[in-house]
Amino acid sequence: MSTIYDFTAERMDGTAQEFSEYKGKVLLIVNTASKCGFTPQFEGLEALHKQYESQELVIIGFPCNQFGSQDPGSNDEIGAFCQKNYGVSFPMMAKIDVNGADAHQIFKWLKDQKGGLLTDGIKWNFTKFLIGSEGQVIDRYAPTTKPEAIKADIEKALASK
């Protein structure tokens, strides 16, 4: 697979999301969790979504329960939590694995495209990948990187569309 547009993921409602529908848009893909110290980052992600949606930034959350069992709920429970507590209106996919044999193909590709500092694997919840409008990974951000800290990179990616 050569671009993010070659992939499909399951939405929280069980329907398929063809990533080819996002062609020409800038994407920020994040593995999320509802019971993590970084969970308040949903607020910053939603703020980015609201600020840049009209410029064709799409934030996509992928819940994951692989780190400290911090997202144990069902897709419906996770979706309700995100909406109620953080007003999340950006697309959220069905819960997945991001590491190991059962890792979702999108995360296998993302990790191949942009490895981490000490390991290519995802180390924790709220690892972020910025994808340019051509479908290639621009950068990878650590869980500790707050969403507002990557505004300049998002704006640069949007400007180069």
Protein backbone atom coordinates (compact mmCIF):
# COMPACT_ATOMS: atom_id res chain seq x y z
CA MET A 1 0.00 0.00 0.00
CA SER A 2 1.44 3.33 -0.97
CA THR A 3 -0.89 5.97 0.51
CA ILE A 4 -3.45 6.26 3.30
CA TYR A 5 -6.10 6.25 0.56
CA ASP A 6 -5.51 2.52 -0.04
CA PHE A 7 -7.07 1.59 3.31
CA THR A 8 -10.50 0.96 4.78
CA ALA A 9 -11.47 1.01 8.45
CA GLU A 10 -14.64 0.24 10.34
CA ARG A 11 -16.51 3.20 11.80
CA MET A 12 -17.98 3.00 15.29
CA ASP A 13 -21.39 2.30 13.75
CA GLY A 14 -20.02 -0.79 11.97
CA THR A 15 -19.99 0.70 8.45
CA ALA A 16 -16.89 0.84 6.30
CA GLN A 17 -14.87 4.04 5.87
CA GLU A 18 -12.93 4.11 2.62
CA PHE A 19 -9.97 6.39 3.18
CA SER A 20 -10.00 7.20 -0.54
CA GLU A 21 -12.93 9.48 0.37
CA TYR A 22 -10.38 11.72 2.11
CA LYS A 23 -8.25 12.29 -1.03
CA GLY A 24 -6.84 15.80 -1.14
CA LYS A 25 -7.46 16.42 2.58
CA VAL A 26 -4.97 16.66 5.42
CA LEU A 27 -5.51 13.98 8.07
CA LEU A 28 -4.52 13.73 11.71
CA ILE A 29 -4.83 10.11 12.85
CA VAL A 30 -4.75 9.44 16.60
CA ASN A 31 -5.02 6.28 18.68
CA THR A 32 -7.26 7.26 21.58
CA ALA A 33 -8.43 6.00 24.98
CA SER A 34 -11.22 7.11 27.30
CA LYS A 35 -9.53 6.43 30.65
CA CYS A 36 -6.01 7.73 30.09
CA GLY A 37 -4.07 10.62 31.54
CA PHE A 38 -3.96 12.01 27.99
CA THR A 39 -7.74 11.69 27.48
CA PRO A 40 -8.21 15.47 27.94
CA GLN A 41 -6.41 15.82 24.59
CA PHE A 42 -9.83 15.11 23.05
CA GLU A 43 -10.60 18.75 23.88
CA GLY A 44 -7.59 19.99 21.90
CA LEU A 45 -8.32 17.62 19.03
CA GLU A 46 -11.91 18.87 18.85
CA ALA A 47 -10.66 22.48 18.88
CA LEU A 48 -8.35 21.71 15.92
CA HIS A 49 -11.24 20.01 14.16
CA LYS A 50 -13.48 23.03 14.57
CA GLN A 51 -10.76 25.49 13.58
CA TYR A 52 -9.53 23.71 10.44
CA GLU A 53 -12.41 21.53 9.23
CA SER A 54 -13.44 24.14 6.65
CA GLN A 55 -9.86 24.03 5.30
CA GLU A 56 -10.18 20.25 4.90
CA LEU A 57 -8.38 18.94 7.95
CA VAL A 58 -9.92 15.65 9.07
CA ILE A 59 -9.09 14.30 12.51
CA ILE A 60 -9.72 10.57 12.87
CA GLY A 61 -9.70 8.79 16.22
CA PHE A 62 -8.99 5.09 16.61
CA PRO A 63 -9.84 3.85 20.14
CA CYS A 64 -7.39 1.26 21.44
CA ASN A 65 -7.39 -0.80 24.63
CA GLN A 66 -3.80 -2.08 24.38
CA PHE A 67 -2.22 0.33 26.87
CA GLY A 68 -3.20 -0.28 30.46
CA SER A 69 -6.71 -1.41 29.40
CA GLN A 70 -7.67 2.27 29.25
CA ASP A 71 -10.49 1.91 26.72
CA PRO A 72 -12.39 -1.21 27.81
CA GLY A 73 -15.87 -0.11 26.68
CA SER A 74 -17.82 -1.03 23.58
CA ASN A 75 -17.74 1.21 20.51
CA ASP A 76 -21.11 2.66 21.56
CA GLU A 77 -19.84 3.40 25.08
CA ILE A 78 -16.64 4.99 23.79
CA GLY A 79 -18.53 7.12 21.28
CA ALA A 80 -21.01 8.30 23.93
CA PHE A 81 -18.17 9.13 26.35
CA CYS A 82 -16.27 11.16 23.74
CA GLN A 83 -19.35 13.08 22.69
CA LYS A 84 -20.69 13.73 26.21
CA ASN A 85 -17.39 14.70 27.86
CA TYR A 86 -15.53 16.40 25.01
CA GLY A 87 -18.14 17.16 22.33
CA VAL A 88 -16.18 15.09 19.83
CA SER A 89 -17.63 15.59 16.36
CA PHE A 90 -14.70 14.35 14.27
CA PRO A 91 -14.82 10.78 12.89
CA MET A 92 -14.14 7.98 15.36
CA MET A 93 -13.43 4.50 14.07
CA ALA A 94 -14.18 1.19 15.76
CA LYS A 95 -11.78 0.05 18.49
CA ILE A 96 -8.62 -1.56 17.11
CA ASP A 97 -5.18 -2.86 18.05
CA VAL A 98 -2.25 -0.67 16.99
CA ASN A 99 0.57 -3.10 17.87
CA GLY A 100 1.13 -6.83 17.57
CA ALA A 101 -0.14 -9.49 15.21
CA ASP A 102 -3.68 -8.09 15.21
CA ALA A 103 -2.66 -4.47 14.58
CA HIS A 104 -4.92 -2.71 12.10
CA GLN A 105 -3.40 -2.39 8.62
CA ILE A 106 -3.52 1.41 8.81
CA PHE A 107 -1.33 1.44 11.91
CA LYS A 108 1.06 -1.13 10.43
CA TRP A 109 1.46 1.20 7.44
CA LEU A 110 1.74 4.35 9.59
CA LYS A 111 4.48 2.77 11.71
CA ASP A 112 6.32 1.62 8.56
CA GLN A 113 6.15 5.15 7.17
CA LYS A 114 7.26 6.95 10.33
CA GLY A 115 8.93 4.99 13.09
CA GLY A 116 9.16 6.20 16.66
CA LEU A 117 12.13 7.57 18.54
CA LEU A 118 13.25 4.31 20.18
CA THR A 119 10.91 1.83 18.57
CA ASP A 120 8.60 1.78 15.57
CA GLY A 121 5.75 0.44 17.72
CA ILE A 122 3.14 2.70 19.26
CA LYS A 123 4.22 3.32 22.86
CA TRP A 124 0.98 4.71 24.31
CA ASN A 125 -2.40 6.27 23.69
CA PHE A 126 -2.63 9.54 21.74
CA THR A 127 0.23 8.94 19.34
CA LYS A 128 -0.56 11.19 16.37
CA PHE A 129 0.24 10.96 12.65
CA LEU A 130 -0.12 13.93 10.30
CA ILE A 131 -0.91 12.92 6.73
CA GLY A 132 -0.52 15.37 3.84
CA SER A 133 -3.03 15.92 1.06
CA GLU A 134 -1.13 13.46 -1.16
CA GLY A 135 -1.77 10.65 1.35
CA GLN A 136 1.76 10.38 2.76
CA VAL A 137 2.85 10.63 6.41
CA ILE A 138 4.37 14.03 7.16
CA ASP A 139 5.21 13.49 10.82
CA ARG A 140 4.57 11.44 13.94
CA TYR A 141 3.96 12.99 17.36
CA ALA A 142 4.41 11.49 20.80
CA PRO A 143 1.47 11.04 23.18
CA THR A 144 2.84 13.91 25.28
CA THR A 145 2.60 16.32 22.33
CA LYS A 146 -0.56 18.33 22.86
CA PRO A 147 -2.76 18.89 19.80
CA GLU A 148 -2.28 22.67 19.90
CA ALA A 149 1.49 22.15 19.66
CA ILE A 150 1.17 20.85 16.10
CA LYS A 151 -0.91 23.74 14.73
CA ALA A 152 2.02 25.13 12.73
CA ASP A 153 2.60 21.76 11.05
CA ILE A 154 -1.11 21.45 10.27
CA GLU A 155 -1.21 24.95 8.81
CA LYS A 156 1.88 24.21 6.68
CA ALA A 157 0.27 20.99 5.39
CA LEU A 158 -2.99 22.79 4.61
CA ALA A 159 -1.12 25.59 2.82
CA SER A 160 0.70 23.11 0.57
CA LYS A 161 -2.49 21.43 -0.67
